[in-house]
Amino acid sequence: MTAQAGQIGPNAILQLVPVLEEEAGPDVTAHLLSMAGVIRMPDPAEGLIDEGPAARLHQAMRAEMPEAAPLLAREAGKRTGDYILAHRIPAKAQAILRFLPARLAAPILARAVAKHAWTFCGSGAFRLVSTWPVVFEIGDNPVVRGERSDVPLCHWHAAVFARLFSELCGPGWQCEEVACCAQGAEVCRFEMTRAR
């Protein structure tokens, strides 16, 4: 499946809202949803959603809660990874990846992530740069489109990648965004490393 222009997986909203409610409360969450133009929560059964409200929700959180936003986005990314593990990657495939050494499992998972990039990059241009070391890029990333920052902002994406690799390719994987479109870079670049 590929994304139609301007669509993204519903977990960009569905996993962030509970984190916001838990950490900031229902009033702040309602305010952020209103700022983002989210009229109703997406139904996962309906598939892809318009990326605009999802991106605006992440951007509103960063604008209104700049100090807390990285932590909140990371938690939402972790939960998105958990959702993908529970509902999108077949149990047999997970068992095989967990059985393989990281050097074999990581490239397989990296290719699978690239094949299903529509779920988290929307109209952005996803590229698998390398399978070992694992490096991903998202050009024109809609989740940060139009933002300007001195530091990388894609904590949600990095947390999704880190969760999937840590669960399926052995513990200790981290994902660092080393360049971000919000910093003026051509692409958001994510490099996977594993603590030894």
Foldseek 3Di string as FASTA:
>chain_A
DAFDAQKAQLLLPVLLLVLCCVPPNDVVSVVLLVQLVPPDRDDNVVTIDGCRSSLSSLVSCCVVPVVCSLVSLLRSLLVVLVCCVVPPDDPVLLVVLQPDALVPNQLVVLVVCVVVVRNQQRNWDKDFPDSVQTKIKTFCRSSQHPAADCAADNSSVQSSVQNNCCSRNHHAKGKDQPDHVNPVDRIGMITIDGDD
